[in-house]
C-alpha atoms as a PDB file:
ATOM      1  CA  MET A   1       6.031  19.106 -39.025  1.00  0.00           C
ATOM      2  CA  ASN A   2       8.859  17.194 -37.381  1.00  0.00           C
ATOM      3  CA  LEU A   3      12.555  17.559 -36.616  1.00  0.00           C
ATOM      4  CA  LYS A   4      13.531  14.317 -38.375  1.00  0.00           C
ATOM      5  CA  ASP A   5      12.949  15.918 -41.781  1.00  0.00           C
ATOM      6  CA  ASN A   6      15.446  18.620 -42.744  1.00  0.00           C
ATOM      7  CA  LYS A   7      12.683  20.385 -44.653  1.00  0.00           C
ATOM      8  CA  TYR A   8      11.541  21.481 -41.196  1.00  0.00           C
ATOM      9  CA  ALA A   9      14.623  21.018 -38.996  1.00  0.00           C
ATOM     10  CA  GLN A  10      16.695  23.550 -40.965  1.00  0.00           C
ATOM     11  CA  TYR A  11      14.599  26.362 -39.521  1.00  0.00           C
ATOM     12  CA  ALA A  12      15.153  27.808 -36.048  1.00  0.00           C
ATOM     13  CA  LEU A  13      11.459  28.695 -36.016  1.00  0.00           C
ATOM     14  CA  VAL A  14      10.442  25.038 -36.184  1.00  0.00           C
ATOM     15  CA  ARG A  15      13.035  23.974 -33.605  1.00  0.00           C
ATOM     16  CA  GLU A  16      11.804  26.685 -31.242  1.00  0.00           C
ATOM     17  CA  MET A  17       8.184  25.663 -31.769  1.00  0.00           C
ATOM     18  CA  MET A  18       9.102  22.108 -30.843  1.00  0.00           C
ATOM     19  CA  ASP A  19      10.978  23.373 -27.761  1.00  0.00           C
ATOM     20  CA  THR A  20       7.571  24.425 -26.442  1.00  0.00           C
ATOM     21  CA  VAL A  21       6.865  20.836 -25.420  1.00  0.00           C
ATOM     22  CA  ASN A  22       9.697  20.848 -22.864  1.00  0.00           C
ATOM     23  CA  VAL A  23       8.900  24.404 -21.781  1.00  0.00           C
ATOM     24  CA  VAL A  24       5.432  23.270 -20.719  1.00  0.00           C
ATOM     25  CA  ALA A  25       6.491  19.896 -19.298  1.00  0.00           C
ATOM     26  CA  GLY A  26       9.197  21.497 -17.165  1.00  0.00           C
ATOM     27  CA  PHE A  27       7.295  24.577 -16.024  1.00  0.00           C
ATOM     28  CA  ASN A  28       7.457  25.287 -12.287  1.00  0.00           C
ATOM     29  CA  GLN A  29       4.436  27.188 -11.057  1.00  0.00           C
ATOM     30  CA  SER A  30       6.191  28.237  -7.860  1.00  0.00           C
ATOM     31  CA  CYS A  31       8.252  30.715  -9.925  1.00  0.00           C
ATOM     32  CA  SER A  32       5.456  33.278  -9.516  1.00  0.00           C
ATOM     33  CA  LYS A  33       4.456  32.505  -5.936  1.00  0.00           C
ATOM     34  CA  ASP A  34       5.808  35.718  -4.419  1.00  0.00           C
ATOM     35  CA  VAL A  35       4.393  37.880  -7.200  1.00  0.00           C
ATOM     36  CA  ALA A  36       1.014  36.145  -6.884  1.00  0.00           C
ATOM     37  CA  ALA A  37       0.844  37.092  -3.203  1.00  0.00           C
ATOM     38  CA  GLN A  38       1.366  40.745  -4.101  1.00  0.00           C
ATOM     39  CA  VAL A  39      -1.267  40.626  -6.866  1.00  0.00           C
ATOM     40  CA  ALA A  40      -3.780  38.990  -4.521  1.00  0.00           C
ATOM     41  CA  LYS A  41      -3.211  41.767  -2.013  1.00  0.00           C
ATOM     42  CA  VAL A  42      -3.702  44.498  -4.627  1.00  0.00           C
ATOM     43  CA  GLY A  43      -6.646  42.741  -6.317  1.00  0.00           C
ATOM     44  CA  ARG A  44      -5.912  44.346  -9.705  1.00  0.00           C
ATOM     45  CA  ALA A  45      -3.667  43.152 -12.525  1.00  0.00           C
ATOM     46  CA  PHE A  46      -2.823  44.949 -15.760  1.00  0.00           C
ATOM     47  CA  PHE A  47      -1.023  42.971 -18.483  1.00  0.00           C
ATOM     48  CA  THR A  48       0.794  44.928 -21.165  1.00  0.00           C
ATOM     49  CA  GLY A  49       3.354  44.487 -23.918  1.00  0.00           C
ATOM     50  CA  GLU A  50       3.499  44.743 -27.694  1.00  0.00           C
ATOM     51  CA  GLY A  51       2.553  42.184 -30.334  1.00  0.00           C
ATOM     52  CA  SER A  52       3.123  38.562 -29.362  1.00  0.00           C
ATOM     53  CA  SER A  53       4.258  39.505 -25.857  1.00  0.00           C
ATOM     54  CA  ARG A  54       0.745  40.707 -25.090  1.00  0.00           C
ATOM     55  CA  ILE A  55      -1.850  39.165 -27.395  1.00  0.00           C
ATOM     56  CA  PHE A  56      -1.976  35.557 -26.204  1.00  0.00           C
ATOM     57  CA  PRO A  57      -0.319  35.795 -22.762  1.00  0.00           C
ATOM     58  CA  ALA A  58      -2.518  38.664 -21.570  1.00  0.00           C
ATOM     59  CA  LYS A  59      -5.813  37.672 -23.164  1.00  0.00           C
ATOM     60  CA  ASN A  60      -5.501  34.032 -22.124  1.00  0.00           C
ATOM     61  CA  ALA A  61      -4.980  35.229 -18.547  1.00  0.00           C
ATOM     62  CA  LEU A  62      -8.047  37.463 -18.712  1.00  0.00           C
ATOM     63  CA  ARG A  63     -10.189  34.611 -20.017  1.00  0.00           C
ATOM     64  CA  LYS A  64      -9.025  32.380 -17.159  1.00  0.00           C
ATOM     65  CA  ILE A  65      -9.707  35.087 -14.546  1.00  0.00           C
ATOM     66  CA  LYS A  66     -13.304  35.330 -15.744  1.00  0.00           C
ATOM     67  CA  GLU A  67     -13.881  31.607 -16.299  1.00  0.00           C
ATOM     68  CA  TRP A  68     -12.593  30.740 -12.843  1.00  0.00           C
ATOM     69  CA  GLY A  69     -14.420  33.653 -11.198  1.00  0.00           C
ATOM     70  CA  LEU A  70     -11.297  34.979  -9.522  1.00  0.00           C
ATOM     71  CA  ASP A  71     -11.601  38.104  -7.408  1.00  0.00           C
ATOM     72  CA  ILE A  72      -9.080  39.947  -9.571  1.00  0.00           C
ATOM     73  CA  ASN A  73      -9.740  42.985 -11.751  1.00  0.00           C
ATOM     74  CA  GLY A  74      -7.771  41.940 -14.836  1.00  0.00           C
ATOM     75  CA  GLN A  75      -7.178  44.360 -17.722  1.00  0.00           C
ATOM     76  CA  THR A  76      -4.973  44.685 -20.798  1.00  0.00           C
ATOM     77  CA  ASP A  77      -4.020  47.231 -23.455  1.00  0.00           C
ATOM     78  CA  CYS A  78      -0.916  48.076 -25.421  1.00  0.00           C
ATOM     79  CA  SER A  79       1.682  50.139 -23.609  1.00  0.00           C
ATOM     80  CA  TRP A  80       1.132  53.501 -25.295  1.00  0.00           C
ATOM     81  CA  GLN A  81      -2.567  53.396 -24.452  1.00  0.00           C
ATOM     82  CA  ALA A  82      -1.808  52.095 -20.980  1.00  0.00           C
ATOM     83  CA  SER A  83       0.379  55.141 -20.389  1.00  0.00           C
ATOM     84  CA  MET A  84      -2.802  57.243 -20.552  1.00  0.00           C
ATOM     85  CA  TYR A  85      -4.356  55.359 -17.627  1.00  0.00           C
ATOM     86  CA  ASN A  86      -4.078  55.790 -13.874  1.00  0.00           C
ATOM     87  CA  LEU A  87      -2.466  52.482 -12.927  1.00  0.00           C
ATOM     88  CA  LYS A  88      -1.231  53.449  -9.484  1.00  0.00           C
ATOM     89  CA  SER A  89      -3.483  50.870  -7.822  1.00  0.00           C
ATOM     90  CA  PHE A  90      -2.700  48.039 -10.274  1.00  0.00           C
ATOM     91  CA  ALA A  91      -0.056  45.372 -10.280  1.00  0.00           C
ATOM     92  CA  VAL A  92       1.350  45.915 -13.779  1.00  0.00           C
ATOM     93  CA  PHE A  93       2.979  43.148 -15.798  1.00  0.00           C
ATOM     94  CA  LEU A  94       5.286  44.475 -18.510  1.00  0.00           C
ATOM     95  CA  ALA A  95       6.341  41.857 -21.067  1.00  0.00           C
ATOM     96  CA  SER A  96       9.166  42.255 -23.570  1.00  0.00           C
ATOM     97  CA  ASN A  97      11.338  39.329 -24.607  1.00  0.00           C
ATOM     98  CA  SER A  98      14.229  41.598 -25.458  1.00  0.00           C
ATOM     99  CA  GLY A  99      13.631  43.863 -22.481  1.00  0.00           C
ATOM    100  CA  GLN A 100      14.313  46.709 -24.914  1.00  0.00           C
ATOM    101  CA  THR A 101      10.846  47.463 -26.306  1.00  0.00           C
ATOM    102  CA  LYS A 102      10.399  51.236 -26.298  1.00  0.00           C
ATOM    103  CA  GLU A 103       6.703  51.445 -25.457  1.00  0.00           C
ATOM    104  CA  VAL A 104       6.929  48.960 -22.589  1.00  0.00           C
ATOM    105  CA  THR A 105      10.111  50.442 -21.114  1.00  0.00           C
ATOM    106  CA  LEU A 106       8.754  53.988 -21.162  1.00  0.00           C
ATOM    107  CA  LEU A 107       5.594  52.835 -19.389  1.00  0.00           C
ATOM    108  CA  ALA A 108       7.686  51.089 -16.725  1.00  0.00           C
ATOM    109  CA  LYS A 109       9.714  54.284 -16.297  1.00  0.00           C
ATOM    110  CA  LYS A 110       6.518  56.322 -15.860  1.00  0.00           C
ATOM    111  CA  LEU A 111       5.129  53.873 -13.297  1.00  0.00           C
ATOM    112  CA  SER A 112       8.425  54.001 -11.414  1.00  0.00           C
ATOM    113  CA  GLU A 113       8.241  57.784 -11.273  1.00  0.00           C
ATOM    114  CA  GLN A 114       4.681  57.458  -9.937  1.00  0.00           C
ATOM    115  CA  ASN A 115       5.928  55.104  -7.201  1.00  0.00           C
ATOM    116  CA  ASN A 116       3.804  52.168  -8.300  1.00  0.00           C
ATOM    117  CA  ALA A 117       5.244  49.416  -6.106  1.00  0.00           C
ATOM    118  CA  CYS A 118       4.046  46.485  -8.257  1.00  0.00           C
ATOM    119  CA  ARG A 119       5.922  46.718 -11.568  1.00  0.00           C
ATOM    120  CA  PHE A 120       6.679  43.218 -12.785  1.00  0.00           C
ATOM    121  CA  GLY A 121       8.887  42.725 -15.824  1.00  0.00           C
ATOM    122  CA  LEU A 122       8.827  39.611 -17.991  1.00  0.00           C
ATOM    123  CA  THR A 123      11.773  39.103 -20.347  1.00  0.00           C
ATOM    124  CA  ALA A 124      13.957  36.461 -21.994  1.00  0.00           C
ATOM    125  CA  ASN A 125      17.172  38.332 -21.147  1.00  0.00           C
ATOM    126  CA  ASN A 126      18.964  39.428 -18.005  1.00  0.00           C
ATOM    127  CA  ASP A 127      19.963  43.016 -17.165  1.00  0.00           C
ATOM    128  CA  THR A 128      17.738  44.809 -19.649  1.00  0.00           C
ATOM    129  CA  PRO A 129      16.613  48.454 -19.839  1.00  0.00           C
ATOM    130  CA  LEU A 130      13.113  47.312 -18.836  1.00  0.00           C
ATOM    131  CA  SER A 131      14.332  45.570 -15.690  1.00  0.00           C
ATOM    132  CA  LYS A 132      15.909  48.814 -14.470  1.00  0.00           C
ATOM    133  CA  PHE A 133      12.426  50.300 -14.063  1.00  0.00           C
ATOM    134  CA  CYS A 134      10.693  47.243 -12.570  1.00  0.00           C
ATOM    135  CA  THR A 135      10.459  46.230  -8.931  1.00  0.00           C
ATOM    136  CA  SER A 136      11.163  42.643 -10.018  1.00  0.00           C
ATOM    137  CA  THR A 137      11.712  40.874 -13.342  1.00  0.00           C
ATOM    138  CA  HIS A 138      11.120  37.237 -14.206  1.00  0.00           C
ATOM    139  CA  VAL A 139      13.469  35.872 -16.872  1.00  0.00           C
ATOM    140  CA  LEU A 140      12.003  33.126 -19.021  1.00  0.00           C
ATOM    141  CA  SER A 141      13.722  29.740 -18.912  1.00  0.00           C
ATOM    142  CA  CYS A 142      13.207  29.135 -22.663  1.00  0.00           C
ATOM    143  CA  GLY A 143      16.045  31.471 -23.623  1.00  0.00           C
ATOM    144  CA  TRP A 144      16.415  33.939 -26.470  1.00  0.00           C
ATOM    145  CA  GLU A 145      14.862  32.880 -29.778  1.00  0.00           C
ATOM    146  CA  GLN A 146      16.743  33.021 -33.075  1.00  0.00           C
ATOM    147  CA  ALA A 147      13.733  33.243 -35.401  1.00  0.00           C
ATOM    148  CA  VAL A 148      12.066  36.640 -35.736  1.00  0.00           C
ATOM    149  CA  ALA A 149       8.610  35.250 -35.002  1.00  0.00           C
ATOM    150  CA  ALA A 150       8.236  34.531 -31.267  1.00  0.00           C
ATOM    151  CA  THR A 151       6.845  31.098 -30.389  1.00  0.00           C
ATOM    152  CA  LYS A 152       8.027  29.196 -27.323  1.00  0.00           C
ATOM    153  CA  SER A 153       8.453  32.465 -25.422  1.00  0.00           C
ATOM    154  CA  VAL A 154       4.796  33.321 -26.061  1.00  0.00           C
ATOM    155  CA  VAL A 155       3.732  30.059 -24.431  1.00  0.00           C
ATOM    156  CA  GLU A 156       6.042  30.505 -21.443  1.00  0.00           C
ATOM    157  CA  GLN A 157       4.836  34.078 -20.938  1.00  0.00           C
ATOM    158  CA  ALA A 158       1.250  32.790 -20.922  1.00  0.00           C
ATOM    159  CA  MET A 159       2.186  29.984 -18.539  1.00  0.00           C
ATOM    160  CA  TYR A 160       3.815  32.470 -16.181  1.00  0.00           C
ATOM    161  CA  TYR A 161       0.701  34.661 -16.092  1.00  0.00           C
ATOM    162  CA  GLU A 162      -1.488  31.609 -15.553  1.00  0.00           C
ATOM    163  CA  SER A 163       0.768  30.436 -12.725  1.00  0.00           C
ATOM    164  CA  VAL A 164       0.130  33.741 -10.964  1.00  0.00           C
ATOM    165  CA  LEU A 165      -3.571  32.916 -11.123  1.00  0.00           C
ATOM    166  CA  TRP A 166      -3.019  29.289 -10.052  1.00  0.00           C
ATOM    167  CA  ASN A 167      -1.121  30.451  -6.994  1.00  0.00           C
ATOM    168  CA  ILE A 168      -3.781  33.013  -6.124  1.00  0.00           C
ATOM    169  CA  ALA A 169      -6.545  30.414  -6.473  1.00  0.00           C
ATOM    170  CA  GLY A 170      -4.611  27.662  -4.696  1.00  0.00           C
ATOM    171  CA  MET A 171      -4.560  25.440  -7.790  1.00  0.00           C
ATOM    172  CA  ASP A 172      -1.833  22.848  -8.273  1.00  0.00           C
ATOM    173  CA  LYS A 173      -1.370  22.281 -11.996  1.00  0.00           C
ATOM    174  CA  SER A 174       1.896  20.343 -11.752  1.00  0.00           C
ATOM    175  CA  LYS A 175       0.280  16.981 -12.484  1.00  0.00           C
ATOM    176  CA  GLU A 176      -1.481  18.326 -15.590  1.00  0.00           C
ATOM    177  CA  LEU A 177       1.614  19.765 -17.266  1.00  0.00           C
ATOM    178  CA  ALA A 178       2.907  16.447 -18.638  1.00  0.00           C
ATOM    179  CA  SER A 179      -0.378  15.633 -20.368  1.00  0.00           C
ATOM    180  CA  ALA A 180      -0.636  19.216 -21.641  1.00  0.00           C
ATOM    181  CA  ALA A 181       2.871  18.947 -23.113  1.00  0.00           C
ATOM    182  CA  ASP A 182       1.922  15.650 -24.775  1.00  0.00           C
ATOM    183  CA  ALA A 183      -1.167  17.246 -26.353  1.00  0.00           C
ATOM    184  CA  ILE A 184       0.948  20.174 -27.575  1.00  0.00           C
ATOM    185  CA  GLU A 185       3.468  17.805 -29.166  1.00  0.00           C
ATOM    186  CA  LYS A 186       0.665  16.004 -30.983  1.00  0.00           C
ATOM    187  CA  ALA A 187      -0.684  19.329 -32.239  1.00  0.00           C
ATOM    188  CA  LEU A 188       2.750  20.394 -33.487  1.00  0.00           C
ATOM    189  CA  THR A 189       3.398  17.126 -35.316  1.00  0.00           C
ATOM    190  CA  LEU A 190      -0.121  16.561 -36.640  1.00  0.00           C
ATOM    191  CA  GLN A 191      -0.200  16.075 -40.402  1.00  0.00           C
ATOM    192  CA  ILE A 192      -1.999  19.020 -41.975  1.00  0.00           C
ATOM    193  CA  PRO A 193      -4.096  18.007 -45.011  1.00  0.00           C
ATOM    194  CA  GLN A 194      -2.355  19.275 -48.142  1.00  0.00           C
ATOM    195  CA  GLU A 195      -5.740  20.335 -49.476  1.00  0.00           C
ATOM    196  CA  TYR A 196      -5.988  23.049 -46.817  1.00  0.00           C
ATOM    197  CA  VAL A 197      -2.529  24.323 -47.720  1.00  0.00           C
ATOM    198  CA  GLU A 198      -3.555  24.545 -51.379  1.00  0.00           C
ATOM    199  CA  TRP A 199      -6.675  26.474 -50.423  1.00  0.00           C
ATOM    200  CA  VAL A 200      -4.556  28.991 -48.518  1.00  0.00           C
ATOM    201  CA  LYS A 201      -2.151  29.363 -51.438  1.00  0.00           C
ATOM    202  CA  GLN A 202      -5.109  30.521 -53.532  1.00  0.00           C
ATOM    203  CA  ALA A 203      -6.509  32.858 -50.871  1.00  0.00           C
ATOM    204  CA  SER A 204      -6.327  36.628 -51.055  1.00  0.00           C
ATOM    205  CA  THR A 205      -7.041  37.002 -47.313  1.00  0.00           C
ATOM    206  CA  ILE A 206      -6.613  34.444 -44.532  1.00  0.00           C
ATOM    207  CA  TYR A 207      -9.025  34.960 -41.647  1.00  0.00           C
ATOM    208  CA  PHE A 208      -8.790  33.493 -38.155  1.00  0.00           C
ATOM    209  CA  ALA A 209     -12.051  33.542 -36.220  1.00  0.00           C
ATOM    210  CA  GLY A 210     -12.282  32.741 -32.537  1.00  0.00           C
ATOM    211  CA  TYR A 211     -12.737  33.906 -28.997  1.00  0.00           C
ATOM    212  CA  ASN A 212     -11.011  36.987 -27.619  1.00  0.00           C
ATOM    213  CA  ASP A 213      -8.484  34.846 -25.725  1.00  0.00           C
ATOM    214  CA  GLY A 214      -5.509  35.674 -27.937  1.00  0.00           C
ATOM    215  CA  VAL A 215      -5.321  32.427 -29.925  1.00  0.00           C
ATOM    216  CA  ALA A 216      -6.898  33.437 -33.242  1.00  0.00           C
ATOM    217  CA  GLU A 217      -5.510  36.963 -32.930  1.00  0.00           C
ATOM    218  CA  GLU A 218      -1.964  35.708 -32.354  1.00  0.00           C
ATOM    219  CA  LEU A 219      -2.260  33.315 -35.302  1.00  0.00           C
ATOM    220  CA  THR A 220      -3.278  36.301 -37.426  1.00  0.00           C
ATOM    221  CA  LEU A 221      -0.023  38.049 -36.534  1.00  0.00           C
ATOM    222  CA  LYS A 222       1.982  34.878 -37.097  1.00  0.00           C
ATOM    223  CA  THR A 223       0.372  34.538 -40.534  1.00  0.00           C
ATOM    224  CA  ASN A 224       1.879  37.896 -41.490  1.00  0.00           C
ATOM    225  CA  GLU A 225       5.324  37.037 -40.089  1.00  0.00           C
ATOM    226  CA  ILE A 226       5.593  33.432 -41.280  1.00  0.00           C
ATOM    227  CA  THR A 227       3.653  33.301 -44.568  1.00  0.00           C
ATOM    228  CA  ARG A 228       3.841  37.005 -45.601  1.00  0.00           C
ATOM    229  CA  ARG A 229       0.135  36.867 -46.417  1.00  0.00           C
ATOM    230  CA  LYS A 230      -2.652  39.300 -45.527  1.00  0.00           C
ATOM    231  CA  SER A 231      -4.661  38.127 -42.550  1.00  0.00           C
ATOM    232  CA  ASP A 232      -7.406  39.367 -40.246  1.00  0.00           C
ATOM    233  CA  PHE A 233      -8.780  38.394 -36.834  1.00  0.00           C
ATOM    234  CA  LEU A 234     -12.549  37.953 -36.494  1.00  0.00           C
ATOM    235  CA  GLU A 235     -13.605  37.972 -32.854  1.00  0.00           C
ATOM    236  CA  GLY A 236     -16.494  35.744 -31.785  1.00  0.00           C
ATOM    237  CA  THR A 237     -19.249  35.920 -34.413  1.00  0.00           C
ATOM    238  CA  TYR A 238     -17.880  39.091 -36.030  1.00  0.00           C
ATOM    239  CA  MET A 239     -17.777  37.190 -39.343  1.00  0.00           C
ATOM    240  CA  LEU A 240     -21.595  37.365 -39.398  1.00  0.00           C
ATOM    241  CA  HIS A 241     -21.870  41.069 -38.679  1.00  0.00           C
ATOM    242  CA  GLY A 242     -20.930  42.838 -41.895  1.00  0.00           C
ATOM    243  CA  ILE A 243     -17.486  41.765 -43.042  1.00  0.00           C
ATOM    244  CA  GLU A 244     -19.052  39.072 -45.224  1.00  0.00           C
ATOM    245  CA  GLU A 245     -19.862  41.931 -47.624  1.00  0.00           C
ATOM    246  CA  VAL A 246     -16.238  42.072 -48.780  1.00  0.00           C
ATOM    247  CA  MET A 247     -15.416  38.367 -48.617  1.00  0.00           C
ATOM    248  CA  ASN A 248     -15.184  36.253 -51.751  1.00  0.00           C
ATOM    249  CA  ALA A 249     -14.333  32.801 -53.046  1.00  0.00           C
ATOM    250  CA  ASN A 250     -10.592  33.545 -52.845  1.00  0.00           C
ATOM    251  CA  ASP A 251     -10.762  33.918 -49.050  1.00  0.00           C
ATOM    252  CA  ILE A 252     -10.458  31.296 -46.320  1.00  0.00           C
ATOM    253  CA  ILE A 253     -11.533  31.318 -42.674  1.00  0.00           C
ATOM    254  CA  PHE A 254      -9.962  29.128 -39.999  1.00  0.00           C
ATOM    255  CA  MET A 255     -12.397  28.955 -37.096  1.00  0.00           C
ATOM    256  CA  VAL A 256     -10.676  28.175 -33.795  1.00  0.00           C
ATOM    257  CA  ASP A 257     -13.048  26.316 -31.444  1.00  0.00           C
ATOM    258  CA  PRO A 258     -16.077  27.218 -33.599  1.00  0.00           C
ATOM    259  CA  ILE A 259     -19.360  28.352 -32.082  1.00  0.00           C
ATOM    260  CA  GLU A 260     -21.550  25.476 -33.195  1.00  0.00           C
ATOM    261  CA  GLY A 261     -24.807  27.341 -32.619  1.00  0.00           C
ATOM    262  CA  GLU A 262     -23.914  29.520 -35.614  1.00  0.00           C
ATOM    263  CA  THR A 263     -23.137  26.668 -38.034  1.00  0.00           C
ATOM    264  CA  GLU A 264     -26.199  27.142 -40.261  1.00  0.00           C
ATOM    265  CA  LYS A 265     -25.655  30.899 -40.614  1.00  0.00           C
ATOM    266  CA  ILE A 266     -22.000  30.358 -41.509  1.00  0.00           C
ATOM    267  CA  LYS A 267     -23.050  27.908 -44.192  1.00  0.00           C
ATOM    268  CA  GLU A 268     -25.714  30.262 -45.551  1.00  0.00           C
ATOM    269  CA  TYR A 269     -23.974  33.632 -45.461  1.00  0.00           C
ATOM    270  CA  LEU A 270     -20.290  32.787 -45.771  1.00  0.00           C
ATOM    271  CA  ILE A 271     -19.960  29.506 -47.654  1.00  0.00           C
ATOM    272  CA  LYS A 272     -23.034  29.705 -49.882  1.00  0.00           C
ATOM    273  CA  GLY A 273     -23.401  33.493 -49.950  1.00  0.00           C
ATOM    274  CA  ALA A 274     -19.787  34.660 -50.259  1.00  0.00           C
ATOM    275  CA  GLY A 275     -18.183  31.442 -51.489  1.00  0.00           C
ATOM    276  CA  VAL A 276     -15.616  31.480 -48.683  1.00  0.00           C
ATOM    277  CA  ARG A 277     -13.804  28.289 -47.685  1.00  0.00           C
ATOM    278  CA  VAL A 278     -14.173  27.492 -43.986  1.00  0.00           C
ATOM    279  CA  VAL A 279     -11.957  25.136 -41.953  1.00  0.00           C
ATOM    280  CA  ALA A 280     -12.515  24.434 -38.265  1.00  0.00           C
ATOM    281  CA  ILE A 281      -9.800  23.857 -35.658  1.00  0.00           C
ATOM    282  CA  SER A 282     -11.397  21.818 -32.889  1.00  0.00           C
ATOM    283  CA  ASP A 283     -11.008  18.904 -30.476  1.00  0.00           C
ATOM    284  CA  HIS A 284     -13.788  17.048 -32.338  1.00  0.00           C
ATOM    285  CA  GLN A 285     -15.170  16.693 -35.840  1.00  0.00           C
ATOM    286  CA  THR A 286     -17.467  19.545 -36.882  1.00  0.00           C
ATOM    287  CA  GLU A 287     -19.781  20.059 -39.852  1.00  0.00           C
ATOM    288  CA  PHE A 288     -16.891  21.795 -41.618  1.00  0.00           C
ATOM    289  CA  PRO A 289     -13.557  20.384 -42.790  1.00  0.00           C
ATOM    290  CA  THR A 290     -11.784  20.066 -39.439  1.00  0.00           C
ATOM    291  CA  ILE A 291      -8.237  19.961 -38.069  1.00  0.00           C
ATOM    292  CA  ILE A 292      -8.809  17.788 -34.995  1.00  0.00           C
ATOM    293  CA  VAL A 293      -6.490  18.188 -31.999  1.00  0.00           C
ATOM    294  CA  PRO A 294      -6.342  16.458 -28.591  1.00  0.00           C
ATOM    295  CA  ASN A 295      -8.466  17.738 -25.733  1.00  0.00           C
ATOM    296  CA  ALA A 296      -6.189  19.293 -23.114  1.00  0.00           C
ATOM    297  CA  GLY A 297      -8.763  20.660 -20.680  1.00  0.00           C
ATOM    298  CA  THR A 298      -7.822  24.068 -19.292  1.00  0.00           C
ATOM    299  CA  PHE A 299      -4.715  24.052 -21.503  1.00  0.00           C
ATOM    300  CA  GLN A 300      -6.774  23.759 -24.696  1.00  0.00           C
ATOM    301  CA  GLN A 301      -5.911  27.266 -25.909  1.00  0.00           C
ATOM    302  CA  TYR A 302      -2.211  26.319 -26.005  1.00  0.00           C
ATOM    303  CA  VAL A 303      -3.019  23.300 -28.170  1.00  0.00           C
ATOM    304  CA  TYR A 304      -5.044  25.416 -30.597  1.00  0.00           C
ATOM    305  CA  LEU A 305      -2.213  27.921 -30.822  1.00  0.00           C
ATOM    306  CA  CYS A 306       0.366  25.220 -31.541  1.00  0.00           C
ATOM    307  CA  VAL A 307      -1.622  23.460 -34.248  1.00  0.00           C
ATOM    308  CA  GLY A 308      -2.023  26.885 -35.832  1.00  0.00           C
ATOM    309  CA  TRP A 309       1.770  27.247 -35.870  1.00  0.00           C
ATOM    310  CA  ASN A 310       1.966  23.830 -37.509  1.00  0.00           C
ATOM    311  CA  LEU A 311      -0.450  24.958 -40.208  1.00  0.00           C
ATOM    312  CA  LEU A 312       1.474  28.176 -40.865  1.00  0.00           C
ATOM    313  CA  VAL A 313       4.785  26.354 -41.171  1.00  0.00           C
ATOM    314  CA  GLU A 314       3.279  24.084 -43.822  1.00  0.00           C
ATOM    315  CA  ILE A 315       1.954  27.107 -45.703  1.00  0.00           C
ATOM    316  CA  GLY A 316       5.259  28.977 -45.430  1.00  0.00           C
ATOM    317  CA  ILE A 317       7.294  26.044 -46.712  1.00  0.00           C
ATOM    318  CA  ALA A 318       4.823  25.328 -49.513  1.00  0.00           C
ATOM    319  CA  THR A 319       5.127  28.927 -50.718  1.00  0.00           C
ATOM    320  CA  GLY A 320       8.921  29.044 -50.469  1.00  0.00           C
ATOM    321  CA  MET A 321       9.255  31.390 -47.498  1.00  0.00           C
ATOM    322  CA  ASP A 322      12.369  31.745 -45.335  1.00  0.00           C
ATOM    323  CA  LEU A 323      10.624  30.994 -42.042  1.00  0.00           C
ATOM    324  CA  ASP A 324      13.335  32.578 -39.889  1.00  0.00           C
ATOM    325  CA  HIS A 325      13.843  35.888 -41.691  1.00  0.00           C
ATOM    326  CA  PRO A 326      10.887  38.048 -42.767  1.00  0.00           C
ATOM    327  CA  ASN A 327      11.737  40.868 -45.160  1.00  0.00           C
ATOM    328  CA  ARG A 328      10.800  43.782 -42.890  1.00  0.00           C
ATOM    329  CA  ALA A 329       9.604  42.475 -39.523  1.00  0.00           C
ATOM    330  CA  ARG A 330      12.247  42.824 -36.782  1.00  0.00           C
ATOM    331  CA  LYS A 331      13.013  40.876 -33.629  1.00  0.00           C
ATOM    332  CA  VAL A 332      12.881  44.080 -31.596  1.00  0.00           C
ATOM    333  CA  GLY A 333      10.151  46.019 -33.314  1.00  0.00           C
ATOM    334  CA  ASN A 334      10.637  49.415 -31.680  1.00  0.00           C
ATOM    335  CA  GLN A 335      13.792  49.596 -29.586  1.00  0.00           C
ATOM    336  CA  PHE A 336      14.252  51.757 -26.504  1.00  0.00           C
ATOM    337  CA  ILE A 337      17.297  54.023 -26.714  1.00  0.00           C
ATOM    338  CA  GLY A 338      18.402  55.651 -23.524  1.00  0.00           C
END
């Protein structure tokens, strides 16, 4: 996709996706320095929110905590479930672009009443109901999005959480941001083979398989919002543990960063056995039809997410969808009143 063609440029969704390049290039990791010091002192971080405000930002942060071996107890769950937990000893990050999400705001209110001193809001708006119950609130620089499906805000939320970890670990990522932004731009403008789009148009279910880092799961949600098609997230090798029983030749699986040790089983049980089409999303050619993206090092998950957006835009346009306005999905899914 590109902004020089009105087929794409007419949609706020596409313009906001492309804004992601500048969001990453211009990100200032010092914006979370004070919060990072508080999290390091507590040693526990809980990331919550609903939908896109939690899936990729929170799970990407948890993957990085574990990969880097940070001495932080990182956890995530949706806000209603989180309200059942004792979070008094956690630094709690509460993300809601609108700052009006009911579940998140009520959890912040409960934590305030429990005198949890580390309640950190993350929004795209100033002076929100959520911010009233937080000890501090970071407002995203990307601004409020016009399209219903969140995109650039998801990336900035994830960058903010990562910056907390960078500051805790003493990492300086400022020199890597320009190259990461360049890789993201290439992923967003990559030409998606029309053949893959045609395969999706014929599919009854679109599966995204991948690690539990939020990428494949977030693309599953975006598939619903952008293409109005049924989709499912298959974590890790879940596709080989029973669900193949209900798959058929009308289904397609996009494997994000495929686990190459399972290639032969995927061929045997899914492609040959169930007749499913399989497409890999990777930084190198695989044994499957592959959408190849640049290698961006520790920012690779952002690149995978963005090429997935690119794919979904192509599918949405090819099937005549209004990319900005789903029929039933809302910008503020469940609004806090009070």
